[in-house]
């Protein structure tokens, strides 16, 4: 998401603290926070307006590039998980429809006229 992040020389890679885990809501503590707006704020920081998908609480933050990068990676991971879940649910739904259609064909419940308008 934050593709234009600049690389800082000698940037330390450390584990995120609770204060820099932007995906966690400061009000309800769920991990459904997403960015509504964002922009560069100086050479090494980002300003973001964040909203919780659970309680709808909003907050503004200004974070370093490394924190924004971790947040972007976290959002990308969550997006991939949602896409996989949606594909799995869609496949399950289609399999159910195929079973119903096959059963209707076996019982001779479908005629060519069913497909005409």
PDB file of N, CA and C in Angstrom:
ATOM      1  N   UNK A   1       0.815  -1.182   0.000  1.00  0.00           N
ATOM      2  CA  UNK A   1       0.000   0.000   0.000  1.00  0.00           C
ATOM      3  C   UNK A   1       0.861   1.249   0.000  1.00  0.00           C
ATOM      4  N   UNK A   2       1.876   1.274   0.800  1.00  0.00           N
ATOM      5  CA  UNK A   2       2.734   2.447   0.881  1.00  0.00           C
ATOM      6  C   UNK A   2       3.960   2.185   0.011  1.00  0.00           C
ATOM      7  N   UNK A   3       3.735   2.136  -1.300  1.00  0.00           N
ATOM      8  CA  UNK A   3       4.754   1.711  -2.255  1.00  0.00           C
ATOM      9  C   UNK A   3       5.902   2.694  -2.389  1.00  0.00           C
ATOM     10  N   UNK A   4       5.669   3.949  -2.110  1.00  0.00           N
ATOM     11  CA  UNK A   4       6.705   4.942  -2.335  1.00  0.00           C
ATOM     12  C   UNK A   4       7.595   5.153  -1.113  1.00  0.00           C
ATOM     13  N   UNK A   5       7.587   4.223  -0.195  1.00  0.00           N
ATOM     14  CA  UNK A   5       8.430   4.376   0.990  1.00  0.00           C
ATOM     15  C   UNK A   5       9.892   4.477   0.592  1.00  0.00           C
ATOM     16  N   UNK A   6      10.564   5.388   1.203  1.00  0.00           N
ATOM     17  CA  UNK A   6      11.988   5.553   0.925  1.00  0.00           C
ATOM     18  C   UNK A   6      12.797   4.637   1.835  1.00  0.00           C
ATOM     19  N   UNK A   7      13.893   4.178   1.334  1.00  0.00           N
ATOM     20  CA  UNK A   7      14.781   3.329   2.137  1.00  0.00           C
ATOM     21  C   UNK A   7      15.761   4.211   2.895  1.00  0.00           C
ATOM     22  N   UNK A   8      15.836   3.999   4.185  1.00  0.00           N
ATOM     23  CA  UNK A   8      16.778   4.750   4.999  1.00  0.00           C
ATOM     24  C   UNK A   8      18.012   3.894   5.201  1.00  0.00           C
ATOM     25  N   UNK A   9      19.141   4.536   5.169  1.00  0.00           N
ATOM     26  CA  UNK A   9      20.376   3.814   5.417  1.00  0.00           C
ATOM     27  C   UNK A   9      20.445   3.454   6.892  1.00  0.00           C
ATOM     28  N   UNK A  10      20.918   2.240   7.172  1.00  0.00           N
ATOM     29  CA  UNK A  10      21.088   1.745   8.535  1.00  0.00           C
ATOM     30  C   UNK A  10      19.776   1.676   9.308  1.00  0.00           C
ATOM     31  N   UNK A  11      18.671   1.452   8.623  1.00  0.00           N
ATOM     32  CA  UNK A  11      17.391   1.334   9.318  1.00  0.00           C
ATOM     33  C   UNK A  11      17.361   0.017  10.072  1.00  0.00           C
ATOM     34  N   UNK A  12      16.985   0.097  11.332  1.00  0.00           N
ATOM     35  CA  UNK A  12      16.936  -1.103  12.160  1.00  0.00           C
ATOM     36  C   UNK A  12      15.608  -1.815  11.965  1.00  0.00           C
ATOM     37  N   UNK A  13      15.640  -3.128  11.872  1.00  0.00           N
ATOM     38  CA  UNK A  13      14.431  -3.922  11.789  1.00  0.00           C
ATOM     39  C   UNK A  13      14.170  -4.502  13.171  1.00  0.00           C
ATOM     40  N   UNK A  14      13.171  -3.977  13.847  1.00  0.00           N
ATOM     41  CA  UNK A  14      12.839  -4.459  15.176  1.00  0.00           C
ATOM     42  C   UNK A  14      11.394  -4.919  15.193  1.00  0.00           C
ATOM     43  N   UNK A  15      11.047  -5.677  16.222  1.00  0.00           N
ATOM     44  CA  UNK A  15       9.678  -6.149  16.362  1.00  0.00           C
ATOM     45  C   UNK A  15       8.777  -4.968  16.694  1.00  0.00           C
ATOM     46  N   UNK A  16       7.582  -4.944  16.121  1.00  0.00           N
ATOM     47  CA  UNK A  16       6.692  -3.820  16.389  1.00  0.00           C
ATOM     48  C   UNK A  16       6.206  -3.824  17.830  1.00  0.00           C
ATOM     49  N   UNK A  17       6.209  -2.661  18.458  1.00  0.00           N
ATOM     50  CA  UNK A  17       5.676  -2.539  19.801  1.00  0.00           C
ATOM     51  C   UNK A  17       4.178  -2.338  19.708  1.00  0.00           C
ATOM     52  N   UNK A  18       3.491  -2.394  20.833  1.00  0.00           N
ATOM     53  CA  UNK A  18       2.051  -2.173  20.839  1.00  0.00           C
ATOM     54  C   UNK A  18       1.712  -0.784  20.294  1.00  0.00           C
ATOM     55  N   UNK A  19       2.563   0.206  20.546  1.00  0.00           N
ATOM     56  CA  UNK A  19       2.301   1.562  20.075  1.00  0.00           C
ATOM     57  C   UNK A  19       2.398   1.660  18.565  1.00  0.00           C
ATOM     58  N   UNK A  20       3.158   0.791  17.915  1.00  0.00           N
ATOM     59  CA  UNK A  20       3.322   0.876  16.463  1.00  0.00           C
ATOM     60  C   UNK A  20       2.512  -0.178  15.721  1.00  0.00           C
ATOM     61  N   UNK A  21       1.702  -0.952  16.426  1.00  0.00           N
ATOM     62  CA  UNK A  21       0.822  -1.919  15.760  1.00  0.00           C
ATOM     63  C   UNK A  21      -0.439  -1.184  15.357  1.00  0.00           C
ATOM     64  N   UNK A  22      -0.386  -0.543  14.211  1.00  0.00           N
ATOM     65  CA  UNK A  22      -1.459   0.329  13.775  1.00  0.00           C
ATOM     66  C   UNK A  22      -2.763  -0.407  13.510  1.00  0.00           C
ATOM     67  N   UNK A  23      -2.702  -1.710  13.233  1.00  0.00           N
ATOM     68  CA  UNK A  23      -3.911  -2.467  12.935  1.00  0.00           C
ATOM     69  C   UNK A  23      -4.748  -2.748  14.180  1.00  0.00           C
ATOM     70  N   UNK A  24      -4.226  -2.441  15.370  1.00  0.00           N
ATOM     71  CA  UNK A  24      -4.960  -2.661  16.611  1.00  0.00           C
ATOM     72  C   UNK A  24      -5.639  -1.362  17.039  1.00  0.00           C
ATOM     73  N   UNK A  25      -6.937  -1.431  17.273  1.00  0.00           N
ATOM     74  CA  UNK A  25      -7.721  -0.262  17.671  1.00  0.00           C
ATOM     75  C   UNK A  25      -7.389   0.130  19.106  1.00  0.00           C
ATOM     76  N   UNK A  26      -7.193   1.414  19.322  1.00  0.00           N
ATOM     77  CA  UNK A  26      -6.904   1.901  20.672  1.00  0.00           C
ATOM     78  C   UNK A  26      -8.166   1.975  21.521  1.00  0.00           C
ATOM     79  N   UNK A  27      -9.341   1.884  20.906  1.00  0.00           N
ATOM     80  CA  UNK A  27     -10.597   1.943  21.659  1.00  0.00           C
ATOM     81  C   UNK A  27     -11.107   0.558  22.039  1.00  0.00           C
ATOM     82  N   UNK A  28     -11.274  -0.327  21.054  1.00  0.00           N
ATOM     83  CA  UNK A  28     -11.868  -1.651  21.330  1.00  0.00           C
ATOM     84  C   UNK A  28     -10.849  -2.789  21.278  1.00  0.00           C
ATOM     85  N   UNK A  29      -9.629  -2.493  20.874  1.00  0.00           N
ATOM     86  CA  UNK A  29      -8.514  -3.444  20.830  1.00  0.00           C
ATOM     87  C   UNK A  29      -8.678  -4.556  19.794  1.00  0.00           C
ATOM     88  N   UNK A  30      -9.600  -4.399  18.852  1.00  0.00           N
ATOM     89  CA  UNK A  30      -9.703  -5.377  17.767  1.00  0.00           C
ATOM     90  C   UNK A  30      -8.597  -5.074  16.750  1.00  0.00           C
ATOM     91  N   UNK A  31      -8.359  -6.002  15.855  1.00  0.00           N
ATOM     92  CA  UNK A  31      -7.299  -5.792  14.865  1.00  0.00           C
ATOM     93  C   UNK A  31      -7.883  -5.571  13.469  1.00  0.00           C
ATOM     94  N   UNK A  32      -8.916  -4.706  13.394  1.00  0.00           N
ATOM     95  CA  UNK A  32      -9.581  -4.414  12.136  1.00  0.00           C
ATOM     96  C   UNK A  32      -9.383  -2.967  11.698  1.00  0.00           C
ATOM     97  N   UNK A  33      -8.274  -2.368  12.034  1.00  0.00           N
ATOM     98  CA  UNK A  33      -8.014  -0.973  11.681  1.00  0.00           C
ATOM     99  C   UNK A  33      -7.465  -0.904  10.257  1.00  0.00           C
ATOM    100  N   UNK A  34      -7.958   0.075   9.508  1.00  0.00           N
ATOM    101  CA  UNK A  34      -7.506   0.255   8.127  1.00  0.00           C
ATOM    102  C   UNK A  34      -7.301   1.745   7.861  1.00  0.00           C
ATOM    103  N   UNK A  35      -6.460   2.072   6.891  1.00  0.00           N
ATOM    104  CA  UNK A  35      -6.232   3.482   6.577  1.00  0.00           C
ATOM    105  C   UNK A  35      -7.345   4.036   5.685  1.00  0.00           C
ATOM    106  N   UNK A  36      -7.810   5.226   6.027  1.00  0.00           N
ATOM    107  CA  UNK A  36      -8.819   5.911   5.227  1.00  0.00           C
ATOM    108  C   UNK A  36      -8.119   6.887   4.289  1.00  0.00           C
ATOM    109  N   UNK A  37      -7.162   7.618   4.826  1.00  0.00           N
ATOM    110  CA  UNK A  37      -6.353   8.564   4.058  1.00  0.00           C
ATOM    111  C   UNK A  37      -4.926   8.471   4.559  1.00  0.00           C
ATOM    112  N   UNK A  38      -3.981   8.820   3.668  1.00  0.00           N
ATOM    113  CA  UNK A  38      -2.583   8.858   4.080  1.00  0.00           C
ATOM    114  C   UNK A  38      -1.814   9.753   3.122  1.00  0.00           C
ATOM    115  N   UNK A  39      -0.722  10.297   3.641  1.00  0.00           N
ATOM    116  CA  UNK A  39       0.154  11.107   2.801  1.00  0.00           C
ATOM    117  C   UNK A  39       1.522  11.184   3.457  1.00  0.00           C
ATOM    118  N   UNK A  40       2.516  11.479   2.638  1.00  0.00           N
ATOM    119  CA  UNK A  40       3.853  11.641   3.176  1.00  0.00           C
ATOM    120  C   UNK A  40       3.869  12.855   4.095  1.00  0.00           C
ATOM    121  N   UNK A  41       4.622  12.740   5.166  1.00  0.00           N
ATOM    122  CA  UNK A  41       4.734  13.825   6.138  1.00  0.00           C
ATOM    123  C   UNK A  41       6.214  14.030   6.421  1.00  0.00           C
ATOM    124  N   UNK A  42       6.844  14.826   5.624  1.00  0.00           N
ATOM    125  CA  UNK A  42       8.287  14.995   5.754  1.00  0.00           C
ATOM    126  C   UNK A  42       9.021  13.921   4.980  1.00  0.00           C
ATOM    127  N   UNK A  43      10.322  13.852   5.215  1.00  0.00           N
ATOM    128  CA  UNK A  43      11.155  12.912   4.467  1.00  0.00           C
ATOM    129  C   UNK A  43      11.063  11.470   4.951  1.00  0.00           C
ATOM    130  N   UNK A  44      10.729  11.256   6.215  1.00  0.00           N
ATOM    131  CA  UNK A  44      10.797   9.898   6.758  1.00  0.00           C
ATOM    132  C   UNK A  44       9.554   9.483   7.523  1.00  0.00           C
ATOM    133  N   UNK A  45       8.436  10.165   7.298  1.00  0.00           N
ATOM    134  CA  UNK A  45       7.221   9.854   8.041  1.00  0.00           C
ATOM    135  C   UNK A  45       6.001   9.872   7.133  1.00  0.00           C
ATOM    136  N   UNK A  46       4.936   9.268   7.636  1.00  0.00           N
ATOM    137  CA  UNK A  46       3.648   9.253   6.973  1.00  0.00           C
ATOM    138  C   UNK A  46       2.588   9.725   7.950  1.00  0.00           C
ATOM    139  N   UNK A  47       1.632  10.515   7.451  1.00  0.00           N
ATOM    140  CA  UNK A  47       0.442  10.864   8.205  1.00  0.00           C
ATOM    141  C   UNK A  47      -0.662   9.940   7.717  1.00  0.00           C
ATOM    142  N   UNK A  48      -1.461   9.399   8.657  1.00  0.00           N
ATOM    143  CA  UNK A  48      -2.556   8.507   8.284  1.00  0.00           C
ATOM    144  C   UNK A  48      -3.784   8.795   9.130  1.00  0.00           C
ATOM    145  N   UNK A  49      -4.927   8.710   8.494  1.00  0.00           N
ATOM    146  CA  UNK A  49      -6.203   8.698   9.192  1.00  0.00           C
ATOM    147  C   UNK A  49      -6.638   7.242   9.200  1.00  0.00           C
ATOM    148  N   UNK A  50      -6.789   6.667  10.388  1.00  0.00           N
ATOM    149  CA  UNK A  50      -7.122   5.257  10.545  1.00  0.00           C
ATOM    150  C   UNK A  50      -8.535   5.120  11.099  1.00  0.00           C
ATOM    151  N   UNK A  51      -9.222   4.063  10.690  1.00  0.00           N
ATOM    152  CA  UNK A  51     -10.573   3.779  11.191  1.00  0.00           C
ATOM    153  C   UNK A  51     -10.657   2.305  11.567  1.00  0.00           C
ATOM    154  N   UNK A  52     -11.336   2.042  12.663  1.00  0.00           N
ATOM    155  CA  UNK A  52     -11.559   0.663  13.105  1.00  0.00           C
ATOM    156  C   UNK A  52     -12.801   0.115  12.420  1.00  0.00           C
ATOM    157  N   UNK A  53     -12.686  -1.033  11.821  1.00  0.00           N
ATOM    158  CA  UNK A  53     -13.820  -1.667  11.169  1.00  0.00           C
ATOM    159  C   UNK A  53     -14.815  -2.251  12.156  1.00  0.00           C
ATOM    160  N   UNK A  54     -14.408  -2.418  13.394  1.00  0.00           N
ATOM    161  CA  UNK A  54     -15.309  -2.984  14.401  1.00  0.00           C
ATOM    162  C   UNK A  54     -16.129  -1.902  15.093  1.00  0.00           C
ATOM    163  N   UNK A  55     -15.470  -0.905  15.677  1.00  0.00           N
ATOM    164  CA  UNK A  55     -16.187   0.112  16.456  1.00  0.00           C
ATOM    165  C   UNK A  55     -16.275   1.462  15.748  1.00  0.00           C
ATOM    166  N   UNK A  56     -15.663   1.587  14.564  1.00  0.00           N
ATOM    167  CA  UNK A  56     -15.674   2.792  13.732  1.00  0.00           C
ATOM    168  C   UNK A  56     -14.901   3.963  14.335  1.00  0.00           C
ATOM    169  N   UNK A  57     -14.122   3.724  15.388  1.00  0.00           N
ATOM    170  CA  UNK A  57     -13.307   4.789  15.978  1.00  0.00           C
ATOM    171  C   UNK A  57     -12.253   5.225  14.962  1.00  0.00           C
ATOM    172  N   UNK A  58     -11.976   6.519  14.938  1.00  0.00           N
ATOM    173  CA  UNK A  58     -10.964   7.056  14.031  1.00  0.00           C
ATOM    174  C   UNK A  58      -9.848   7.690  14.845  1.00  0.00           C
ATOM    175  N   UNK A  59      -8.654   7.658  14.272  1.00  0.00           N
ATOM    176  CA  UNK A  59      -7.532   8.357  14.886  1.00  0.00           C
ATOM    177  C   UNK A  59      -6.552   8.758  13.799  1.00  0.00           C
ATOM    178  N   UNK A  60      -5.831   9.828  14.066  1.00  0.00           N
ATOM    179  CA  UNK A  60      -4.781  10.281  13.174  1.00  0.00           C
ATOM    180  C   UNK A  60      -3.451   9.912  13.801  1.00  0.00           C
ATOM    181  N   UNK A  61      -2.525   9.455  12.964  1.00  0.00           N
ATOM    182  CA  UNK A  61      -1.193   9.117  13.455  1.00  0.00           C
ATOM    183  C   UNK A  61      -0.152   9.651  12.480  1.00  0.00           C
ATOM    184  N   UNK A  62       1.014   9.877  12.987  1.00  0.00           N
ATOM    185  CA  UNK A  62       2.183  10.210  12.167  1.00  0.00           C
ATOM    186  C   UNK A  62       3.240   9.193  12.557  1.00  0.00           C
ATOM    187  N   UNK A  63       3.666   8.392  11.590  1.00  0.00           N
ATOM    188  CA  UNK A  63       4.568   7.282  11.882  1.00  0.00           C
ATOM    189  C   UNK A  63       5.773   7.296  10.951  1.00  0.00           C
ATOM    190  N   UNK A  64       6.829   6.649  11.403  1.00  0.00           N
ATOM    191  CA  UNK A  64       8.047   6.526  10.608  1.00  0.00           C
ATOM    192  C   UNK A  64       7.811   5.572   9.431  1.00  0.00           C
ATOM    193  N   UNK A  65       8.664   5.682   8.429  1.00  0.00           N
ATOM    194  CA  UNK A  65       8.563   4.831   7.236  1.00  0.00           C
ATOM    195  C   UNK A  65       8.519   3.346   7.594  1.00  0.00           C
ATOM    196  N   UNK A  66       9.362   2.912   8.525  1.00  0.00           N
ATOM    197  CA  UNK A  66       9.417   1.491   8.881  1.00  0.00           C
ATOM    198  C   UNK A  66       8.095   1.013   9.461  1.00  0.00           C
ATOM    199  N   UNK A  67       7.456   1.828  10.273  1.00  0.00           N
ATOM    200  CA  UNK A  67       6.162   1.467  10.861  1.00  0.00           C
ATOM    201  C   UNK A  67       5.109   1.397   9.757  1.00  0.00           C
ATOM    202  N   UNK A  68       5.105   2.374   8.856  1.00  0.00           N
ATOM    203  CA  UNK A  68       4.158   2.366   7.740  1.00  0.00           C
ATOM    204  C   UNK A  68       4.388   1.144   6.853  1.00  0.00           C
ATOM    205  N   UNK A  69       5.626   0.772   6.644  1.00  0.00           N
ATOM    206  CA  UNK A  69       5.944  -0.402   5.828  1.00  0.00           C
ATOM    207  C   UNK A  69       5.388  -1.667   6.484  1.00  0.00           C
ATOM    208  N   UNK A  70       5.587  -1.812   7.797  1.00  0.00           N
ATOM    209  CA  UNK A  70       5.047  -2.983   8.503  1.00  0.00           C
ATOM    210  C   UNK A  70       3.525  -3.015   8.411  1.00  0.00           C
ATOM    211  N   UNK A  71       2.896  -1.845   8.573  1.00  0.00           N
ATOM    212  CA  UNK A  71       1.442  -1.752   8.483  1.00  0.00           C
ATOM    213  C   UNK A  71       0.979  -2.146   7.080  1.00  0.00           C
ATOM    214  N   UNK A  72       1.656  -1.647   6.061  1.00  0.00           N
ATOM    215  CA  UNK A  72       1.324  -2.007   4.689  1.00  0.00           C
ATOM    216  C   UNK A  72       1.471  -3.498   4.443  1.00  0.00           C
ATOM    217  N   UNK A  73       2.534  -4.097   4.966  1.00  0.00           N
ATOM    218  CA  UNK A  73       2.725  -5.547   4.833  1.00  0.00           C
ATOM    219  C   UNK A  73       1.609  -6.306   5.537  1.00  0.00           C
ATOM    220  N   UNK A  74       1.220  -5.825   6.724  1.00  0.00           N
ATOM    221  CA  UNK A  74       0.135  -6.452   7.472  1.00  0.00           C
ATOM    222  C   UNK A  74      -1.173  -6.368   6.700  1.00  0.00           C
ATOM    223  N   UNK A  75      -1.446  -5.217   6.093  1.00  0.00           N
ATOM    224  CA  UNK A  75      -2.658  -5.056   5.286  1.00  0.00           C
ATOM    225  C   UNK A  75      -2.624  -5.955   4.059  1.00  0.00           C
ATOM    226  N   UNK A  76      -1.465  -6.072   3.416  1.00  0.00           N
ATOM    227  CA  UNK A  76      -1.334  -6.952   2.247  1.00  0.00           C
ATOM    228  C   UNK A  76      -1.601  -8.403   2.620  1.00  0.00           C
ATOM    229  N   UNK A  77      -1.074  -8.829   3.775  1.00  0.00           N
ATOM    230  CA  UNK A  77      -1.293 -10.195   4.251  1.00  0.00           C
ATOM    231  C   UNK A  77      -2.774 -10.438   4.520  1.00  0.00           C
ATOM    232  N   UNK A  78      -3.419  -9.481   5.189  1.00  0.00           N
ATOM    233  CA  UNK A  78      -4.849  -9.618   5.487  1.00  0.00           C
ATOM    234  C   UNK A  78      -5.661  -9.665   4.198  1.00  0.00           C
ATOM    235  N   UNK A  79      -5.296  -8.851   3.215  1.00  0.00           N
ATOM    236  CA  UNK A  79      -6.004  -8.847   1.933  1.00  0.00           C
ATOM    237  C   UNK A  79      -5.872 -10.206   1.243  1.00  0.00           C
ATOM    238  N   UNK A  80      -4.687 -10.792   1.287  1.00  0.00           N
ATOM    239  CA  UNK A  80      -4.481 -12.115   0.683  1.00  0.00           C
ATOM    240  C   UNK A  80      -5.320 -13.181   1.384  1.00  0.00           C
ATOM    241  N   UNK A  81      -5.374 -13.114   2.714  1.00  0.00           N
ATOM    242  CA  UNK A  81      -6.179 -14.074   3.473  1.00  0.00           C
ATOM    243  C   UNK A  81      -7.659 -13.945   3.121  1.00  0.00           C
ATOM    244  N   UNK A  82      -8.140 -12.704   2.984  1.00  0.00           N
ATOM    245  CA  UNK A  82      -9.547 -12.495   2.624  1.00  0.00           C
ATOM    246  C   UNK A  82      -9.832 -13.000   1.214  1.00  0.00           C
ATOM    247  N   UNK A  83      -8.908 -12.784   0.289  1.00  0.00           N
ATOM    248  CA  UNK A  83      -9.098 -13.255  -1.084  1.00  0.00           C
ATOM    249  C   UNK A  83      -9.153 -14.777  -1.125  1.00  0.00           C
ATOM    250  N   UNK A  84      -8.271 -15.436  -0.361  1.00  0.00           N
ATOM    251  CA  UNK A  84      -8.300 -16.907  -0.312  1.00  0.00           C
ATOM    252  C   UNK A  84      -9.604 -17.411   0.302  1.00  0.00           C
ATOM    253  N   UNK A  85     -10.077 -16.762   1.362  1.00  0.00           N
ATOM    254  CA  UNK A  85     -11.327 -17.171   2.003  1.00  0.00           C
ATOM    255  C   UNK A  85     -12.505 -16.963   1.056  1.00  0.00           C
ATOM    256  N   UNK A  86     -12.518 -15.840   0.345  1.00  0.00           N
ATOM    257  CA  UNK A  86     -13.602 -15.578  -0.604  1.00  0.00           C
ATOM    258  C   UNK A  86     -13.600 -16.611  -1.729  1.00  0.00           C
ATOM    259  N   UNK A  87     -12.424 -16.966  -2.225  1.00  0.00           N
ATOM    260  CA  UNK A  87     -12.334 -17.973  -3.296  1.00  0.00           C
ATOM    261  C   UNK A  87     -12.819 -19.331  -2.798  1.00  0.00           C
ATOM    262  N   UNK A  88     -12.456 -19.680  -1.560  1.00  0.00           N
ATOM    263  CA  UNK A  88     -12.886 -20.959  -0.987  1.00  0.00           C
ATOM    264  C   UNK A  88     -14.409 -20.979  -0.826  1.00  0.00           C
ATOM    265  N   UNK A  89     -14.976 -19.897  -0.296  1.00  0.00           N
ATOM    266  CA  UNK A  89     -16.430 -19.826  -0.125  1.00  0.00           C
ATOM    267  C   UNK A  89     -17.152 -19.858  -1.460  1.00  0.00           C
ATOM    268  N   UNK A  90     -16.604 -19.199  -2.465  1.00  0.00           N
ATOM    269  CA  UNK A  90     -17.211 -19.204  -3.789  1.00  0.00           C
ATOM    270  C   UNK A  90     -17.185 -20.602  -4.386  1.00  0.00           C
ATOM    271  N   UNK A  91     -16.076 -21.308  -4.210  1.00  0.00           N
ATOM    272  CA  UNK A  91     -15.978 -22.680  -4.727  1.00  0.00           C
ATOM    273  C   UNK A  91     -16.977 -23.595  -4.017  1.00  0.00           C
ATOM    274  N   UNK A  92     -17.123 -23.415  -2.709  1.00  0.00           N
ATOM    275  CA  UNK A  92     -18.104 -24.214  -1.964  1.00  0.00           C
ATOM    276  C   UNK A  92     -19.523 -23.928  -2.441  1.00  0.00           C
ATOM    277  N   UNK A  93     -19.833 -22.647  -2.672  1.00  0.00           N
ATOM    278  CA  UNK A  93     -21.156 -22.269  -3.157  1.00  0.00           C
ATOM    279  C   UNK A  93     -21.426 -22.887  -4.527  1.00  0.00           C
ATOM    280  N   UNK A  94     -20.442 -22.796  -5.413  1.00  0.00           N
ATOM    281  CA  UNK A  94     -20.622 -23.348  -6.763  1.00  0.00           C
ATOM    282  C   UNK A  94     -20.766 -24.863  -6.711  1.00  0.00           C
ATOM    283  N   UNK A  95     -20.024 -25.531  -5.834  1.00  0.00           N
ATOM    284  CA  UNK A  95     -20.140 -26.986  -5.714  1.00  0.00           C
ATOM    285  C   UNK A  95     -21.550 -27.366  -5.267  1.00  0.00           C
ATOM    286  N   UNK A  96     -22.101 -26.594  -4.345  1.00  0.00           N
ATOM    287  CA  UNK A  96     -23.477 -26.843  -3.905  1.00  0.00           C
ATOM    288  C   UNK A  96     -24.471 -26.665  -5.032  1.00  0.00           C
ATOM    289  N   UNK A  97     -24.282 -25.626  -5.838  1.00  0.00           N
ATOM    290  CA  UNK A  97     -25.173 -25.390  -6.974  1.00  0.00           C
ATOM    291  C   UNK A  97     -25.066 -26.507  -8.003  1.00  0.00           C
ATOM    292  N   UNK A  98     -23.878 -27.008  -8.226  1.00  0.00           N
ATOM    293  CA  UNK A  98     -23.684 -28.108  -9.176  1.00  0.00           C
ATOM    294  C   UNK A  98     -24.406 -29.352  -8.681  1.00  0.00           C
ATOM    295  N   UNK A  99     -24.321 -29.630  -7.385  1.00  0.00           N
ATOM    296  CA  UNK A  99     -25.013 -30.803  -6.827  1.00  0.00           C
ATOM    297  C   UNK A  99     -26.524 -30.693  -7.013  1.00  0.00           C
ATOM    298  N   UNK A 100     -27.069 -29.528  -6.746  1.00  0.00           N
ATOM    299  CA  UNK A 100     -28.512 -29.310  -6.905  1.00  0.00           C
ATOM    300  C   UNK A 100     -28.897 -29.445  -8.377  1.00  0.00           C
ATOM    301  N   UNK A 101     -28.106 -28.868  -9.265  1.00  0.00           N
ATOM    302  CA  UNK A 101     -28.394 -28.944 -10.701  1.00  0.00           C
ATOM    303  C   UNK A 101     -28.321 -30.394 -11.186  1.00  0.00           C
ATOM    304  N   UNK A 102     -27.294 -31.132 -10.737  1.00  0.00           N
ATOM    305  CA  UNK A 102     -27.157 -32.534 -11.145  1.00  0.00           C
ATOM    306  C   UNK A 102     -28.331 -33.366 -10.635  1.00  0.00           C
ATOM    307  N   UNK A 103     -28.769 -33.118  -9.408  1.00  0.00           N
ATOM    308  CA  UNK A 103     -29.913 -33.860  -8.864  1.00  0.00           C
ATOM    309  C   UNK A 103     -31.180 -33.542  -9.656  1.00  0.00           C
ATOM    310  N   UNK A 104     -31.351 -32.288 -10.037  1.00  0.00           N
ATOM    311  CA  UNK A 104     -32.523 -31.912 -10.834  1.00  0.00           C
ATOM    312  C   UNK A 104     -32.486 -32.585 -12.196  1.00  0.00           C
ATOM    313  N   UNK A 105     -31.300 -32.683 -12.801  1.00  0.00           N
ATOM    314  CA  UNK A 105     -31.173 -33.370 -14.095  1.00  0.00           C
ATOM    315  C   UNK A 105     -31.504 -34.847 -13.950  1.00  0.00           C
ATOM    316  N   UNK A 106     -31.001 -35.481 -12.886  1.00  0.00           N
ATOM    317  CA  UNK A 106     -31.268 -36.908 -12.670  1.00  0.00           C
ATOM    318  C   UNK A 106     -32.762 -37.176 -12.489  1.00  0.00           C
ATOM    319  N   UNK A 107     -33.478 -36.268 -11.880  1.00  0.00           N
ATOM    320  CA  UNK A 107     -34.913 -36.446 -11.619  1.00  0.00           C
ATOM    321  C   UNK A 107     -35.776 -35.915 -12.764  1.00  0.00           C
ATOM    322  N   UNK A 108     -35.109 -35.492 -13.830  1.00  0.00           N
ATOM    323  CA  UNK A 108     -35.801 -34.984 -15.013  1.00  0.00           C
ATOM    324  C   UNK A 108     -36.690 -33.787 -14.683  1.00  0.00           C
ATOM    325  N   UNK A 109     -36.189 -32.925 -13.806  1.00  0.00           N
ATOM    326  CA  UNK A 109     -36.931 -31.752 -13.382  1.00  0.00           C
ATOM    327  C   UNK A 109     -36.598 -30.510 -14.220  1.00  0.00           C
ATOM    328  N   UNK A 110     -35.633 -30.624 -15.093  1.00  0.00           N
ATOM    329  CA  UNK A 110     -35.208 -29.495 -15.913  1.00  0.00           C
ATOM    330  C   UNK A 110     -35.503 -29.800 -17.370  1.00  0.00           C
ATOM    331  N   UNK A 111     -36.113 -28.835 -18.037  1.00  0.00           N
ATOM    332  CA  UNK A 111     -36.450 -28.981 -19.453  1.00  0.00           C
ATOM    333  C   UNK A 111     -35.794 -27.866 -20.239  1.00  0.00           C
ATOM    334  N   UNK A 112     -35.649 -28.014 -21.562  1.00  0.00           N
ATOM    335  CA  UNK A 112     -35.060 -26.951 -22.380  1.00  0.00           C
ATOM    336  C   UNK A 112     -35.784 -25.625 -22.233  1.00  0.00           C
ATOM    337  N   UNK A 113     -37.080 -25.672 -22.001  1.00  0.00           N
ATOM    338  CA  UNK A 113     -37.856 -24.427 -21.869  1.00  0.00           C
ATOM    339  C   UNK A 113     -37.436 -23.638 -20.635  1.00  0.00           C
ATOM    340  N   UNK A 114     -36.810 -24.312 -19.653  1.00  0.00           N
ATOM    341  CA  UNK A 114     -36.352 -23.620 -18.449  1.00  0.00           C
ATOM    342  C   UNK A 114     -35.246 -22.618 -18.752  1.00  0.00           C
ATOM    343  N   UNK A 115     -34.617 -22.784 -19.904  1.00  0.00           N
ATOM    344  CA  UNK A 115     -33.490 -21.911 -20.254  1.00  0.00           C
ATOM    345  C   UNK A 115     -33.854 -20.864 -21.301  1.00  0.00           C
ATOM    346  N   UNK A 116     -35.124 -20.798 -21.671  1.00  0.00           N
ATOM    347  CA  UNK A 116     -35.593 -19.799 -22.633  1.00  0.00           C
ATOM    348  C   UNK A 116     -36.191 -18.636 -21.878  1.00  0.00           C
ATOM    349  N   UNK A 117     -36.144 -17.517 -22.514  1.00  0.00           N
ATOM    350  CA  UNK A 117     -36.712 -16.316 -21.861  1.00  0.00           C
ATOM    351  C   UNK A 117     -38.064 -16.039 -22.336  1.00  0.00           C
TER     352      UNK A 117
END
